[in-house]
Structures are given as structure tokens and as C-alpha cells.
Amino acid sequence: MAVPKRKTSRCSRDQRRTHDALTAPALSICPECKEAKQPHIVCPHCGSYRGRKVIEVESF
């Protein structure tokens, strides 16, 4: 089994992990109901997309 010859330094370890951070999803405002939604996705609150009613949404 392969075993490292030297200990990996904190600097090298952290440089490798620079791209591992999670990012928050992009949000935009729905022009119909003014709720936050993901861009290019049907609004889950009112069911509209690009100014048209696309799906019927049940309110609880």
C-alpha cells in the first residue's frame, strides 16, 4: 500500500481545499409575487415563468 514519505504541510493541505467551500444558490425576485426564486426556474410560490402562469400551485 502506498504511504506518503513526508507529512503534508498545513499550507499544501489548505491550498488543495480552497475550492471545497459551498456557495449559496443564486436568487432573483419573481416579478409576479415578489418572492425569492432561482433564476430560469418556475416560481414555486406562484407558478409563473416569464410573465405567464405555467403551473397551478396549491396553497396550504
N, C-alpha and C. Protein backbone atom coordinates (compact mmCIF):
# COMPACT_ATOMS: atom_id res chain seq x y z
N MET A 1 0.83 -1.18 0.00
CA MET A 1 0.00 0.00 0.00
C MET A 1 0.88 1.25 0.00
N ALA A 2 0.51 2.26 -0.78
CA ALA A 2 1.31 3.48 -0.86
C ALA A 2 1.14 4.31 0.40
N VAL A 3 2.28 4.77 0.92
CA VAL A 3 2.29 5.58 2.13
C VAL A 3 3.12 6.82 1.84
N PRO A 4 2.66 8.03 2.22
CA PRO A 4 3.44 9.23 1.96
C PRO A 4 4.77 9.21 2.70
N LYS A 5 5.80 9.68 2.03
CA LYS A 5 7.12 9.71 2.66
C LYS A 5 7.24 10.87 3.64
N ARG A 6 6.57 11.99 3.36
CA ARG A 6 6.62 13.17 4.22
C ARG A 6 5.21 13.60 4.62
N LYS A 7 5.12 14.26 5.76
CA LYS A 7 3.84 14.80 6.20
C LYS A 7 3.45 15.96 5.30
N THR A 8 2.18 16.03 4.91
CA THR A 8 1.69 17.15 4.11
C THR A 8 1.54 18.37 5.02
N SER A 9 2.14 19.48 4.63
CA SER A 9 2.09 20.68 5.46
C SER A 9 0.69 21.28 5.45
N ARG A 10 0.41 22.09 6.45
CA ARG A 10 -0.90 22.76 6.53
C ARG A 10 -1.12 23.65 5.32
N CYS A 11 -0.08 24.30 4.84
CA CYS A 11 -0.20 25.18 3.68
C CYS A 11 -0.61 24.40 2.44
N SER A 12 0.05 23.28 2.17
CA SER A 12 -0.29 22.48 0.99
C SER A 12 -1.67 21.88 1.12
N ARG A 13 -2.01 21.41 2.31
CA ARG A 13 -3.34 20.83 2.53
C ARG A 13 -4.43 21.87 2.31
N ASP A 14 -4.23 23.07 2.84
CA ASP A 14 -5.25 24.11 2.72
C ASP A 14 -5.34 24.66 1.30
N GLN A 15 -4.22 24.71 0.58
CA GLN A 15 -4.26 25.14 -0.81
C GLN A 15 -5.07 24.17 -1.65
N ARG A 16 -5.00 22.90 -1.34
CA ARG A 16 -5.77 21.91 -2.08
C ARG A 16 -7.26 22.07 -1.79
N ARG A 17 -7.61 22.53 -0.61
CA ARG A 17 -9.00 22.62 -0.19
C ARG A 17 -9.64 23.98 -0.50
N THR A 18 -8.98 24.84 -1.26
CA THR A 18 -9.52 26.18 -1.49
C THR A 18 -10.82 26.16 -2.27
N HIS A 19 -11.05 25.14 -3.09
CA HIS A 19 -12.25 25.09 -3.93
C HIS A 19 -13.37 24.25 -3.31
N ASP A 20 -13.22 23.81 -2.07
CA ASP A 20 -14.20 22.94 -1.45
C ASP A 20 -15.34 23.67 -0.76
N ALA A 21 -15.28 24.99 -0.67
CA ALA A 21 -16.30 25.74 0.06
C ALA A 21 -17.62 25.71 -0.70
N LEU A 22 -18.72 25.64 0.04
CA LEU A 22 -20.05 25.67 -0.56
C LEU A 22 -20.44 27.11 -0.85
N THR A 23 -21.18 27.30 -1.93
CA THR A 23 -21.66 28.63 -2.27
C THR A 23 -23.19 28.66 -2.18
N ALA A 24 -23.72 29.79 -1.82
CA ALA A 24 -25.16 29.94 -1.73
C ALA A 24 -25.76 29.97 -3.13
N PRO A 25 -26.94 29.40 -3.32
CA PRO A 25 -27.55 29.43 -4.66
C PRO A 25 -27.93 30.86 -5.04
N ALA A 26 -27.84 31.13 -6.34
CA ALA A 26 -28.22 32.45 -6.84
C ALA A 26 -29.73 32.61 -6.74
N LEU A 27 -30.17 33.79 -6.33
CA LEU A 27 -31.60 34.07 -6.18
C LEU A 27 -31.96 35.33 -6.94
N SER A 28 -33.16 35.34 -7.47
CA SER A 28 -33.71 36.53 -8.11
C SER A 28 -35.12 36.74 -7.56
N ILE A 29 -35.71 37.87 -7.88
CA ILE A 29 -37.04 38.21 -7.37
C ILE A 29 -38.07 37.92 -8.46
N CYS A 30 -39.12 37.21 -8.10
CA CYS A 30 -40.21 36.92 -9.03
C CYS A 30 -40.97 38.21 -9.30
N PRO A 31 -41.16 38.58 -10.57
CA PRO A 31 -41.88 39.82 -10.85
C PRO A 31 -43.38 39.75 -10.54
N GLU A 32 -43.93 38.55 -10.43
CA GLU A 32 -45.36 38.40 -10.16
C GLU A 32 -45.67 38.50 -8.66
N CYS A 33 -44.98 37.68 -7.85
CA CYS A 33 -45.31 37.62 -6.41
C CYS A 33 -44.25 38.24 -5.51
N LYS A 34 -43.15 38.71 -6.09
CA LYS A 34 -42.07 39.38 -5.36
C LYS A 34 -41.38 38.47 -4.34
N GLU A 35 -41.44 37.16 -4.53
CA GLU A 35 -40.75 36.21 -3.66
C GLU A 35 -39.39 35.85 -4.28
N ALA A 36 -38.46 35.40 -3.47
CA ALA A 36 -37.16 34.98 -3.96
C ALA A 36 -37.29 33.62 -4.65
N LYS A 37 -36.63 33.48 -5.81
CA LYS A 37 -36.64 32.22 -6.55
C LYS A 37 -35.34 32.07 -7.29
N GLN A 38 -35.04 30.86 -7.77
CA GLN A 38 -33.85 30.65 -8.57
C GLN A 38 -34.09 31.15 -9.99
N PRO A 39 -33.09 31.76 -10.62
CA PRO A 39 -33.29 32.25 -11.98
C PRO A 39 -33.49 31.11 -12.97
N HIS A 40 -34.27 31.35 -14.00
CA HIS A 40 -34.56 30.39 -15.08
C HIS A 40 -35.34 29.18 -14.58
N ILE A 41 -36.05 29.31 -13.46
CA ILE A 41 -36.84 28.23 -12.87
C ILE A 41 -38.24 28.77 -12.62
N VAL A 42 -39.25 27.92 -12.76
CA VAL A 42 -40.62 28.33 -12.46
C VAL A 42 -40.71 28.71 -10.99
N CYS A 43 -41.40 29.78 -10.69
CA CYS A 43 -41.54 30.25 -9.31
C CYS A 43 -42.34 29.22 -8.50
N PRO A 44 -41.78 28.71 -7.40
CA PRO A 44 -42.52 27.72 -6.61
C PRO A 44 -43.66 28.32 -5.80
N HIS A 45 -43.71 29.65 -5.67
CA HIS A 45 -44.74 30.28 -4.86
C HIS A 45 -46.01 30.60 -5.66
N CYS A 46 -45.82 31.10 -6.90
CA CYS A 46 -46.99 31.47 -7.69
C CYS A 46 -47.14 30.65 -8.97
N GLY A 47 -46.10 29.92 -9.40
CA GLY A 47 -46.20 29.07 -10.57
C GLY A 47 -46.05 29.79 -11.89
N SER A 48 -45.49 30.97 -11.89
CA SER A 48 -45.34 31.72 -13.14
C SER A 48 -43.90 31.64 -13.63
N TYR A 49 -43.73 31.79 -14.95
CA TYR A 49 -42.42 31.81 -15.57
C TYR A 49 -42.47 32.76 -16.75
N ARG A 50 -41.62 33.78 -16.76
CA ARG A 50 -41.55 34.78 -17.81
C ARG A 50 -42.89 35.46 -18.06
N GLY A 51 -43.59 35.77 -16.97
CA GLY A 51 -44.84 36.51 -17.06
C GLY A 51 -46.07 35.69 -17.36
N ARG A 52 -45.94 34.37 -17.50
CA ARG A 52 -47.10 33.52 -17.79
C ARG A 52 -47.31 32.54 -16.65
N LYS A 53 -48.56 32.20 -16.39
CA LYS A 53 -48.90 31.19 -15.39
C LYS A 53 -48.64 29.82 -16.03
N VAL A 54 -47.69 29.07 -15.49
CA VAL A 54 -47.27 27.81 -16.11
C VAL A 54 -47.84 26.61 -15.36
N ILE A 55 -47.81 26.66 -14.04
CA ILE A 55 -48.31 25.54 -13.24
C ILE A 55 -49.28 26.09 -12.19
N GLU A 56 -50.17 25.25 -11.74
CA GLU A 56 -51.09 25.61 -10.66
C GLU A 56 -50.46 25.21 -9.34
N VAL A 57 -50.35 26.16 -8.41
CA VAL A 57 -49.71 25.92 -7.14
C VAL A 57 -50.78 25.89 -6.05
N GLU A 58 -50.74 24.83 -5.23
CA GLU A 58 -51.67 24.72 -4.10
C GLU A 58 -51.11 25.51 -2.92
N SER A 59 -51.94 26.28 -2.27
CA SER A 59 -51.52 26.98 -1.06
C SER A 59 -52.02 26.21 0.16
N PHE A 60 -51.16 26.11 1.15
CA PHE A 60 -51.50 25.33 2.34
C PHE A 60 -52.04 26.21 3.42
